[in-house]
């Protein structure tokens, strides 16, 4: 359900644990063209499998946008209960970046960290069991991510969920020009949490060791719409749609809307992809 409020703000209630970040990635570029500042609030899931986590949206996606977007998480929401709330503030249009976007290298390596989001159990027995399981799993996560310091953990006490425990594993790799966040979630099919933590760590280490391109496969398709609307630009991606057709589908849909080819890419000698996005609008 969508509500338009009187103070230049929009409120979207997904009504489930559906991804609030996917809603924001859809509506924020459109609201850039508002003549006044705008606030967007979304109620739903904040950390969902197969969609950008709020942390990715805030730290990986938003800092690269051609227009400033300030976002905050007011309440966590996990599958299947949902109930989370995120807010994005878009300031005056004159805050737009006037030069075309360019992200061809990562810049200096800054840090590598791990994070686990943990929901409290409903009773004392759950709490004690969660503590025991969490300690073992996070120790393994630390080892797999090749960290000397312990994995950061956040205990969440205001979350709509029937069962406590680890809700999200995140590997966070920061460079000067980009922040890569990999989120993975406990498997309802009872894959051990330690296996999920290992997969999260391995994907992070692959990002660090196997390429020096700044943009991962998922961020590559998410950047197309913002760039085609404002100024265009270029970036270098680790991969393009090796496991899905998201990038190619987005590029095709954009071409149909604007009536011209706006996205070009080629594979480089090092295996990465150079992507050029042409502006679709004259602003």
C-alpha atoms as a PDB file:
ATOM      1  CA  UNK A   1       0.000   0.000   0.000  1.00  0.00           C
ATOM      2  CA  UNK A   2       1.247   3.507  -0.863  1.00  0.00           C
ATOM      3  CA  UNK A   3       0.542   6.651   1.154  1.00  0.00           C
ATOM      4  CA  UNK A   4       1.395  10.179  -0.002  1.00  0.00           C
ATOM      5  CA  UNK A   5       1.814  12.355   3.072  1.00  0.00           C
ATOM      6  CA  UNK A   6       1.500  16.117   3.344  1.00  0.00           C
ATOM      7  CA  UNK A   7       5.120  16.892   4.214  1.00  0.00           C
ATOM      8  CA  UNK A   8       6.592  15.981   0.810  1.00  0.00           C
ATOM      9  CA  UNK A   9       7.057  12.359   1.885  1.00  0.00           C
ATOM     10  CA  UNK A  10       6.040   8.929   0.627  1.00  0.00           C
ATOM     11  CA  UNK A  11       5.267   5.836   2.697  1.00  0.00           C
ATOM     12  CA  UNK A  12       5.208   2.330   1.200  1.00  0.00           C
ATOM     13  CA  UNK A  13       3.868  -0.558   3.280  1.00  0.00           C
ATOM     14  CA  UNK A  14       4.814  -3.767   1.487  1.00  0.00           C
ATOM     15  CA  UNK A  15       2.582  -5.787   3.801  1.00  0.00           C
ATOM     16  CA  UNK A  16       5.033  -8.679   4.047  1.00  0.00           C
ATOM     17  CA  UNK A  17       8.753  -9.379   4.361  1.00  0.00           C
ATOM     18  CA  UNK A  18       9.254  -8.229   0.760  1.00  0.00           C
ATOM     19  CA  UNK A  19      12.436  -6.252   0.151  1.00  0.00           C
ATOM     20  CA  UNK A  20      12.294  -2.596   1.173  1.00  0.00           C
ATOM     21  CA  UNK A  21      15.624  -1.914  -0.568  1.00  0.00           C
ATOM     22  CA  UNK A  22      14.277  -3.065  -3.938  1.00  0.00           C
ATOM     23  CA  UNK A  23      11.412  -0.580  -3.503  1.00  0.00           C
ATOM     24  CA  UNK A  24      13.907   2.192  -2.727  1.00  0.00           C
ATOM     25  CA  UNK A  25      16.123   1.300  -5.682  1.00  0.00           C
ATOM     26  CA  UNK A  26      13.044   1.665  -7.887  1.00  0.00           C
ATOM     27  CA  UNK A  27      11.509   4.892  -6.580  1.00  0.00           C
ATOM     28  CA  UNK A  28      14.545   6.914  -5.449  1.00  0.00           C
ATOM     29  CA  UNK A  29      15.870   7.604  -8.994  1.00  0.00           C
ATOM     30  CA  UNK A  30      12.402   8.812 -10.028  1.00  0.00           C
ATOM     31  CA  UNK A  31      12.079  11.094  -7.000  1.00  0.00           C
ATOM     32  CA  UNK A  32      15.396  12.749  -7.869  1.00  0.00           C
ATOM     33  CA  UNK A  33      13.331  14.877 -10.245  1.00  0.00           C
ATOM     34  CA  UNK A  34      11.145  16.289  -7.483  1.00  0.00           C
ATOM     35  CA  UNK A  35      11.439  20.103  -7.232  1.00  0.00           C
ATOM     36  CA  UNK A  36      11.558  19.845  -3.441  1.00  0.00           C
ATOM     37  CA  UNK A  37      13.296  17.599  -0.877  1.00  0.00           C
ATOM     38  CA  UNK A  38      11.581  14.233  -0.465  1.00  0.00           C
ATOM     39  CA  UNK A  39      11.462  11.598   2.264  1.00  0.00           C
ATOM     40  CA  UNK A  40      10.608   7.955   1.485  1.00  0.00           C
ATOM     41  CA  UNK A  41       9.744   5.421   4.188  1.00  0.00           C
ATOM     42  CA  UNK A  42       9.248   1.716   3.473  1.00  0.00           C
ATOM     43  CA  UNK A  43       7.901  -0.977   5.781  1.00  0.00           C
ATOM     44  CA  UNK A  44       8.842  -4.571   4.966  1.00  0.00           C
ATOM     45  CA  UNK A  45      11.969  -6.724   4.944  1.00  0.00           C
ATOM     46  CA  UNK A  46      15.351  -5.082   5.453  1.00  0.00           C
ATOM     47  CA  UNK A  47      17.583  -8.159   5.073  1.00  0.00           C
ATOM     48  CA  UNK A  48      16.220 -10.646   2.549  1.00  0.00           C
ATOM     49  CA  UNK A  49      17.769 -13.513   0.597  1.00  0.00           C
ATOM     50  CA  UNK A  50      18.195 -12.747  -3.124  1.00  0.00           C
ATOM     51  CA  UNK A  51      17.915  -8.980  -2.684  1.00  0.00           C
ATOM     52  CA  UNK A  52      20.223  -6.188  -1.445  1.00  0.00           C
ATOM     53  CA  UNK A  53      20.463  -5.955   2.330  1.00  0.00           C
ATOM     54  CA  UNK A  54      19.945  -2.543   3.891  1.00  0.00           C
ATOM     55  CA  UNK A  55      23.671  -2.459   4.735  1.00  0.00           C
ATOM     56  CA  UNK A  56      24.538  -2.998   1.075  1.00  0.00           C
ATOM     57  CA  UNK A  57      22.046  -0.318   0.026  1.00  0.00           C
ATOM     58  CA  UNK A  58      23.422   2.190   2.543  1.00  0.00           C
ATOM     59  CA  UNK A  59      27.167   1.534   2.296  1.00  0.00           C
ATOM     60  CA  UNK A  60      27.710   0.074  -1.188  1.00  0.00           C
ATOM     61  CA  UNK A  61      24.956   1.516  -3.399  1.00  0.00           C
ATOM     62  CA  UNK A  62      24.045   4.985  -2.084  1.00  0.00           C
ATOM     63  CA  UNK A  63      27.606   6.428  -1.869  1.00  0.00           C
ATOM     64  CA  UNK A  64      28.022   5.841  -5.620  1.00  0.00           C
ATOM     65  CA  UNK A  65      24.832   7.604  -6.691  1.00  0.00           C
ATOM     66  CA  UNK A  66      25.019  10.842  -8.689  1.00  0.00           C
ATOM     67  CA  UNK A  67      22.555  12.474  -6.288  1.00  0.00           C
ATOM     68  CA  UNK A  68      22.913  12.467  -2.522  1.00  0.00           C
ATOM     69  CA  UNK A  69      20.652  10.027  -0.662  1.00  0.00           C
ATOM     70  CA  UNK A  70      20.696   9.822   3.131  1.00  0.00           C
ATOM     71  CA  UNK A  71      19.187   6.617   4.476  1.00  0.00           C
ATOM     72  CA  UNK A  72      18.681   5.058   7.870  1.00  0.00           C
ATOM     73  CA  UNK A  73      17.328   1.829   9.299  1.00  0.00           C
ATOM     74  CA  UNK A  74      14.737   2.381  12.018  1.00  0.00           C
ATOM     75  CA  UNK A  75      13.750  -1.254  12.570  1.00  0.00           C
ATOM     76  CA  UNK A  76      15.083  -4.589  11.299  1.00  0.00           C
ATOM     77  CA  UNK A  77      12.800  -6.866   9.307  1.00  0.00           C
ATOM     78  CA  UNK A  78      13.607 -10.477   8.402  1.00  0.00           C
ATOM     79  CA  UNK A  79      11.884 -13.176   6.373  1.00  0.00           C
ATOM     80  CA  UNK A  80       9.176 -14.361   6.828  1.00  0.00           C
ATOM     81  CA  UNK A  81       7.759 -11.912   9.411  1.00  0.00           C
ATOM     82  CA  UNK A  82       8.977  -8.588   7.970  1.00  0.00           C
ATOM     83  CA  UNK A  83       8.017  -5.522  10.000  1.00  0.00           C
ATOM     84  CA  UNK A  84      11.197  -3.560   9.285  1.00  0.00           C
ATOM     85  CA  UNK A  85      11.328   0.145   8.444  1.00  0.00           C
ATOM     86  CA  UNK A  86      13.845   2.105   6.392  1.00  0.00           C
ATOM     87  CA  UNK A  87      13.837   5.802   5.505  1.00  0.00           C
ATOM     88  CA  UNK A  88      15.619   7.654   2.678  1.00  0.00           C
ATOM     89  CA  UNK A  89      15.947  11.443   2.485  1.00  0.00           C
ATOM     90  CA  UNK A  90      16.610  13.087  -0.887  1.00  0.00           C
ATOM     91  CA  UNK A  91      17.758  16.726  -0.618  1.00  0.00           C
ATOM     92  CA  UNK A  92      17.322  19.594  -3.068  1.00  0.00           C
ATOM     93  CA  UNK A  93      18.065  18.885  -6.760  1.00  0.00           C
ATOM     94  CA  UNK A  94      21.066  21.215  -6.784  1.00  0.00           C
ATOM     95  CA  UNK A  95      22.950  18.544  -4.846  1.00  0.00           C
ATOM     96  CA  UNK A  96      23.331  16.583  -8.101  1.00  0.00           C
ATOM     97  CA  UNK A  97      26.802  15.608  -9.246  1.00  0.00           C
ATOM     98  CA  UNK A  98      27.408  17.345 -12.583  1.00  0.00           C
ATOM     99  CA  UNK A  99      30.233  15.179 -13.919  1.00  0.00           C
ATOM    100  CA  UNK A 100      29.732  11.723 -15.430  1.00  0.00           C
ATOM    101  CA  UNK A 101      30.274   8.804 -13.047  1.00  0.00           C
ATOM    102  CA  UNK A 102      33.579   6.894 -13.233  1.00  0.00           C
ATOM    103  CA  UNK A 103      34.574   3.898 -11.113  1.00  0.00           C
ATOM    104  CA  UNK A 104      37.403   1.953 -12.735  1.00  0.00           C
ATOM    105  CA  UNK A 105      39.464   0.909  -9.710  1.00  0.00           C
ATOM    106  CA  UNK A 106      38.914   0.111  -6.040  1.00  0.00           C
ATOM    107  CA  UNK A 107      41.516   2.446  -4.595  1.00  0.00           C
ATOM    108  CA  UNK A 108      43.565   1.536  -1.534  1.00  0.00           C
ATOM    109  CA  UNK A 109      42.470  -1.410   0.581  1.00  0.00           C
ATOM    110  CA  UNK A 110      41.128  -0.182   3.934  1.00  0.00           C
ATOM    111  CA  UNK A 111      39.617  -3.060   5.912  1.00  0.00           C
ATOM    112  CA  UNK A 112      37.983  -6.489   5.988  1.00  0.00           C
ATOM    113  CA  UNK A 113      35.420  -7.346   8.654  1.00  0.00           C
ATOM    114  CA  UNK A 114      32.616  -9.740   9.468  1.00  0.00           C
ATOM    115  CA  UNK A 115      29.227  -9.084  11.051  1.00  0.00           C
ATOM    116  CA  UNK A 116      26.447 -11.288  12.390  1.00  0.00           C
ATOM    117  CA  UNK A 117      22.947 -10.009  13.170  1.00  0.00           C
ATOM    118  CA  UNK A 118      21.351 -12.061  15.937  1.00  0.00           C
ATOM    119  CA  UNK A 119      17.753 -12.050  17.136  1.00  0.00           C
ATOM    120  CA  UNK A 120      17.047 -12.808  20.771  1.00  0.00           C
ATOM    121  CA  UNK A 121      15.072 -15.906  21.645  1.00  0.00           C
ATOM    122  CA  UNK A 122      11.631 -15.835  23.252  1.00  0.00           C
ATOM    123  CA  UNK A 123      12.645 -17.633  26.420  1.00  0.00           C
ATOM    124  CA  UNK A 124      15.693 -18.308  28.568  1.00  0.00           C
ATOM    125  CA  UNK A 125      16.340 -21.756  27.101  1.00  0.00           C
ATOM    126  CA  UNK A 126      16.439 -20.258  23.611  1.00  0.00           C
ATOM    127  CA  UNK A 127      18.825 -17.520  24.731  1.00  0.00           C
ATOM    128  CA  UNK A 128      21.307 -19.963  26.251  1.00  0.00           C
ATOM    129  CA  UNK A 129      21.178 -22.250  23.222  1.00  0.00           C
ATOM    130  CA  UNK A 130      21.672 -19.318  20.882  1.00  0.00           C
ATOM    131  CA  UNK A 131      24.705 -18.125  22.840  1.00  0.00           C
ATOM    132  CA  UNK A 132      26.332 -21.549  22.641  1.00  0.00           C
ATOM    133  CA  UNK A 133      25.670 -22.046  18.926  1.00  0.00           C
ATOM    134  CA  UNK A 134      26.598 -18.473  18.055  1.00  0.00           C
ATOM    135  CA  UNK A 135      29.997 -18.605  19.772  1.00  0.00           C
ATOM    136  CA  UNK A 136      31.029 -21.695  17.808  1.00  0.00           C
ATOM    137  CA  UNK A 137      29.713 -20.400  14.477  1.00  0.00           C
ATOM    138  CA  UNK A 138      31.293 -16.957  14.775  1.00  0.00           C
ATOM    139  CA  UNK A 139      34.650 -18.475  15.686  1.00  0.00           C
ATOM    140  CA  UNK A 140      34.454 -20.504  12.487  1.00  0.00           C
ATOM    141  CA  UNK A 141      33.370 -17.417  10.505  1.00  0.00           C
ATOM    142  CA  UNK A 142      36.404 -15.550  11.842  1.00  0.00           C
ATOM    143  CA  UNK A 143      38.713 -18.375  10.745  1.00  0.00           C
ATOM    144  CA  UNK A 144      37.182 -18.665   7.264  1.00  0.00           C
ATOM    145  CA  UNK A 145      37.360 -14.894   6.716  1.00  0.00           C
ATOM    146  CA  UNK A 146      41.027 -14.971   7.803  1.00  0.00           C
ATOM    147  CA  UNK A 147      40.576 -12.355  10.527  1.00  0.00           C
ATOM    148  CA  UNK A 148      42.667 -11.819  13.626  1.00  0.00           C
ATOM    149  CA  UNK A 149      39.939  -9.908  15.462  1.00  0.00           C
ATOM    150  CA  UNK A 150      36.602 -11.408  16.454  1.00  0.00           C
ATOM    151  CA  UNK A 151      33.523 -11.143  14.267  1.00  0.00           C
ATOM    152  CA  UNK A 152      31.277  -8.242  15.288  1.00  0.00           C
ATOM    153  CA  UNK A 153      27.854  -9.362  16.463  1.00  0.00           C
ATOM    154  CA  UNK A 154      24.718  -7.299  17.059  1.00  0.00           C
ATOM    155  CA  UNK A 155      21.983  -8.603  19.351  1.00  0.00           C
ATOM    156  CA  UNK A 156      18.589  -7.350  18.151  1.00  0.00           C
ATOM    157  CA  UNK A 157      15.830  -7.204  20.759  1.00  0.00           C
ATOM    158  CA  UNK A 158      13.073  -5.409  18.823  1.00  0.00           C
ATOM    159  CA  UNK A 159      12.519  -7.778  15.922  1.00  0.00           C
ATOM    160  CA  UNK A 160       9.401  -9.570  14.704  1.00  0.00           C
ATOM    161  CA  UNK A 161      10.574 -13.185  14.529  1.00  0.00           C
ATOM    162  CA  UNK A 162       9.332 -16.409  16.042  1.00  0.00           C
ATOM    163  CA  UNK A 163      12.751 -17.993  16.413  1.00  0.00           C
ATOM    164  CA  UNK A 164      15.939 -16.413  17.677  1.00  0.00           C
ATOM    165  CA  UNK A 165      19.458 -16.989  16.414  1.00  0.00           C
ATOM    166  CA  UNK A 166      21.729 -15.711  13.679  1.00  0.00           C
ATOM    167  CA  UNK A 167      19.678 -14.012  10.973  1.00  0.00           C
ATOM    168  CA  UNK A 168      22.436 -12.661   8.700  1.00  0.00           C
ATOM    169  CA  UNK A 169      26.145 -13.189   8.055  1.00  0.00           C
ATOM    170  CA  UNK A 170      27.947 -10.304   6.385  1.00  0.00           C
ATOM    171  CA  UNK A 171      31.448  -9.937   5.001  1.00  0.00           C
ATOM    172  CA  UNK A 172      32.428  -6.283   4.614  1.00  0.00           C
ATOM    173  CA  UNK A 173      35.404  -5.278   2.461  1.00  0.00           C
ATOM    174  CA  UNK A 174      36.234  -1.589   2.276  1.00  0.00           C
ATOM    175  CA  UNK A 175      38.400   0.153  -0.281  1.00  0.00           C
ATOM    176  CA  UNK A 176      38.855   3.874  -0.797  1.00  0.00           C
ATOM    177  CA  UNK A 177      36.443   3.965  -3.751  1.00  0.00           C
ATOM    178  CA  UNK A 178      33.989   1.164  -2.990  1.00  0.00           C
ATOM    179  CA  UNK A 179      32.579  -0.924  -0.146  1.00  0.00           C
ATOM    180  CA  UNK A 180      31.689  -4.536  -0.941  1.00  0.00           C
ATOM    181  CA  UNK A 181      29.142  -6.220   1.354  1.00  0.00           C
ATOM    182  CA  UNK A 182      28.223  -9.880   0.990  1.00  0.00           C
ATOM    183  CA  UNK A 183      25.168 -11.030   2.952  1.00  0.00           C
ATOM    184  CA  UNK A 184      24.111 -14.634   3.472  1.00  0.00           C
ATOM    185  CA  UNK A 185      21.269 -16.091   5.473  1.00  0.00           C
ATOM    186  CA  UNK A 186      20.656 -19.281   7.484  1.00  0.00           C
ATOM    187  CA  UNK A 187      19.030 -21.900   5.278  1.00  0.00           C
ATOM    188  CA  UNK A 188      15.516 -23.089   6.157  1.00  0.00           C
ATOM    189  CA  UNK A 189      16.495 -26.481   4.691  1.00  0.00           C
ATOM    190  CA  UNK A 190      18.774 -26.897   7.698  1.00  0.00           C
ATOM    191  CA  UNK A 191      22.146 -26.328   6.053  1.00  0.00           C
ATOM    192  CA  UNK A 192      24.447 -25.804   9.068  1.00  0.00           C
ATOM    193  CA  UNK A 193      25.103 -22.171   9.956  1.00  0.00           C
ATOM    194  CA  UNK A 194      28.826 -22.814   9.819  1.00  0.00           C
ATOM    195  CA  UNK A 195      28.469 -23.835   6.168  1.00  0.00           C
ATOM    196  CA  UNK A 196      26.640 -20.563   5.411  1.00  0.00           C
ATOM    197  CA  UNK A 197      29.349 -18.601   7.226  1.00  0.00           C
ATOM    198  CA  UNK A 198      32.020 -20.391   5.193  1.00  0.00           C
ATOM    199  CA  UNK A 199      30.269 -19.533   1.933  1.00  0.00           C
ATOM    200  CA  UNK A 200      29.983 -15.877   2.981  1.00  0.00           C
ATOM    201  CA  UNK A 201      33.696 -15.743   3.789  1.00  0.00           C
ATOM    202  CA  UNK A 202      34.748 -17.559   0.608  1.00  0.00           C
ATOM    203  CA  UNK A 203      32.797 -15.155  -1.606  1.00  0.00           C
ATOM    204  CA  UNK A 204      34.481 -12.216   0.132  1.00  0.00           C
ATOM    205  CA  UNK A 205      37.958 -13.693  -0.319  1.00  0.00           C
ATOM    206  CA  UNK A 206      37.194 -14.401  -3.990  1.00  0.00           C
ATOM    207  CA  UNK A 207      36.249 -10.747  -4.451  1.00  0.00           C
ATOM    208  CA  UNK A 208      39.563  -9.690  -2.885  1.00  0.00           C
ATOM    209  CA  UNK A 209      41.878 -12.177  -4.587  1.00  0.00           C
ATOM    210  CA  UNK A 210      40.422 -12.983  -8.006  1.00  0.00           C
ATOM    211  CA  UNK A 211      39.995  -9.514  -9.489  1.00  0.00           C
ATOM    212  CA  UNK A 212      40.742  -5.847  -8.882  1.00  0.00           C
ATOM    213  CA  UNK A 213      37.565  -4.569 -10.555  1.00  0.00           C
ATOM    214  CA  UNK A 214      35.504  -2.503  -8.081  1.00  0.00           C
ATOM    215  CA  UNK A 215      31.908  -3.383  -9.037  1.00  0.00           C
ATOM    216  CA  UNK A 216      30.507  -6.820  -8.272  1.00  0.00           C
ATOM    217  CA  UNK A 217      27.996  -8.642 -10.462  1.00  0.00           C
ATOM    218  CA  UNK A 218      24.967  -7.509  -8.438  1.00  0.00           C
ATOM    219  CA  UNK A 219      25.954  -3.858  -8.135  1.00  0.00           C
ATOM    220  CA  UNK A 220      26.640  -3.766 -11.888  1.00  0.00           C
ATOM    221  CA  UNK A 221      22.992  -4.171 -12.867  1.00  0.00           C
ATOM    222  CA  UNK A 222      21.774  -1.936 -10.010  1.00  0.00           C
ATOM    223  CA  UNK A 223      23.850   1.031 -11.208  1.00  0.00           C
ATOM    224  CA  UNK A 224      22.376   1.134 -14.710  1.00  0.00           C
ATOM    225  CA  UNK A 225      19.121   2.980 -13.982  1.00  0.00           C
ATOM    226  CA  UNK A 226      20.634   5.718 -11.768  1.00  0.00           C
ATOM    227  CA  UNK A 227      23.391   6.404 -14.287  1.00  0.00           C
ATOM    228  CA  UNK A 228      21.162   6.484 -17.357  1.00  0.00           C
ATOM    229  CA  UNK A 229      18.896   9.037 -15.638  1.00  0.00           C
ATOM    230  CA  UNK A 230      21.674  11.358 -14.484  1.00  0.00           C
ATOM    231  CA  UNK A 231      24.809  12.131 -16.550  1.00  0.00           C
ATOM    232  CA  UNK A 232      25.774   8.548 -17.491  1.00  0.00           C
ATOM    233  CA  UNK A 233      29.252   7.227 -16.785  1.00  0.00           C
ATOM    234  CA  UNK A 234      31.488   4.182 -16.762  1.00  0.00           C
ATOM    235  CA  UNK A 235      32.614   1.449 -14.390  1.00  0.00           C
ATOM    236  CA  UNK A 236      34.551  -1.794 -14.361  1.00  0.00           C
ATOM    237  CA  UNK A 237      32.749  -4.905 -13.158  1.00  0.00           C
ATOM    238  CA  UNK A 238      34.124  -8.202 -11.870  1.00  0.00           C
ATOM    239  CA  UNK A 239      31.502 -10.058 -13.882  1.00  0.00           C
ATOM    240  CA  UNK A 240      28.227  -9.525 -15.695  1.00  0.00           C
ATOM    241  CA  UNK A 241      25.318 -11.857 -15.109  1.00  0.00           C
ATOM    242  CA  UNK A 242      27.314 -15.054 -14.771  1.00  0.00           C
ATOM    243  CA  UNK A 243      24.496 -16.546 -12.706  1.00  0.00           C
ATOM    244  CA  UNK A 244      21.547 -14.483 -13.941  1.00  0.00           C
ATOM    245  CA  UNK A 245      20.359 -12.224 -16.719  1.00  0.00           C
ATOM    246  CA  UNK A 246      19.715  -9.185 -14.504  1.00  0.00           C
ATOM    247  CA  UNK A 247      22.314  -6.956 -16.154  1.00  0.00           C
ATOM    248  CA  UNK A 248      21.308  -7.831 -19.720  1.00  0.00           C
ATOM    249  CA  UNK A 249      17.597  -7.576 -18.883  1.00  0.00           C
ATOM    250  CA  UNK A 250      18.017  -4.146 -17.278  1.00  0.00           C
ATOM    251  CA  UNK A 251      20.029  -2.898 -20.239  1.00  0.00           C
ATOM    252  CA  UNK A 252      17.369  -4.161 -22.668  1.00  0.00           C
ATOM    253  CA  UNK A 253      14.467  -2.593 -20.758  1.00  0.00           C
ATOM    254  CA  UNK A 254      16.298   0.737 -20.511  1.00  0.00           C
ATOM    255  CA  UNK A 255      16.869   0.652 -24.285  1.00  0.00           C
ATOM    256  CA  UNK A 256      13.148   0.086 -24.881  1.00  0.00           C
ATOM    257  CA  UNK A 257      12.139   2.998 -22.622  1.00  0.00           C
ATOM    258  CA  UNK A 258      14.553   5.517 -24.125  1.00  0.00           C
ATOM    259  CA  UNK A 259      14.394   4.266 -27.700  1.00  0.00           C
ATOM    260  CA  UNK A 260      18.155   4.029 -28.029  1.00  0.00           C
ATOM    261  CA  UNK A 261      21.062   1.942 -26.827  1.00  0.00           C
ATOM    262  CA  UNK A 262      22.264   3.356 -23.510  1.00  0.00           C
ATOM    263  CA  UNK A 263      24.474   0.542 -22.169  1.00  0.00           C
ATOM    264  CA  UNK A 264      27.646  -0.738 -23.825  1.00  0.00           C
ATOM    265  CA  UNK A 265      30.185  -3.175 -22.395  1.00  0.00           C
ATOM    266  CA  UNK A 266      33.190  -5.236 -23.409  1.00  0.00           C
ATOM    267  CA  UNK A 267      35.290  -7.902 -21.739  1.00  0.00           C
ATOM    268  CA  UNK A 268      38.844  -6.832 -20.944  1.00  0.00           C
ATOM    269  CA  UNK A 269      42.017  -8.923 -21.055  1.00  0.00           C
ATOM    270  CA  UNK A 270      41.965  -9.425 -17.276  1.00  0.00           C
ATOM    271  CA  UNK A 271      38.467 -10.937 -17.426  1.00  0.00           C
ATOM    272  CA  UNK A 272      36.649  -7.905 -16.012  1.00  0.00           C
ATOM    273  CA  UNK A 273      34.082  -5.873 -17.964  1.00  0.00           C
ATOM    274  CA  UNK A 274      34.227  -2.204 -18.927  1.00  0.00           C
ATOM    275  CA  UNK A 275      30.683  -0.807 -18.855  1.00  0.00           C
ATOM    276  CA  UNK A 276      29.699   2.525 -20.413  1.00  0.00           C
ATOM    277  CA  UNK A 277      26.284   4.033 -19.632  1.00  0.00           C
ATOM    278  CA  UNK A 278      25.064   6.857 -21.858  1.00  0.00           C
ATOM    279  CA  UNK A 279      22.660   9.423 -20.355  1.00  0.00           C
ATOM    280  CA  UNK A 280      19.099   8.791 -21.450  1.00  0.00           C
ATOM    281  CA  UNK A 281      17.823  12.255 -20.567  1.00  0.00           C
ATOM    282  CA  UNK A 282      19.018  15.802 -21.185  1.00  0.00           C
ATOM    283  CA  UNK A 283      18.856  17.665 -17.860  1.00  0.00           C
END
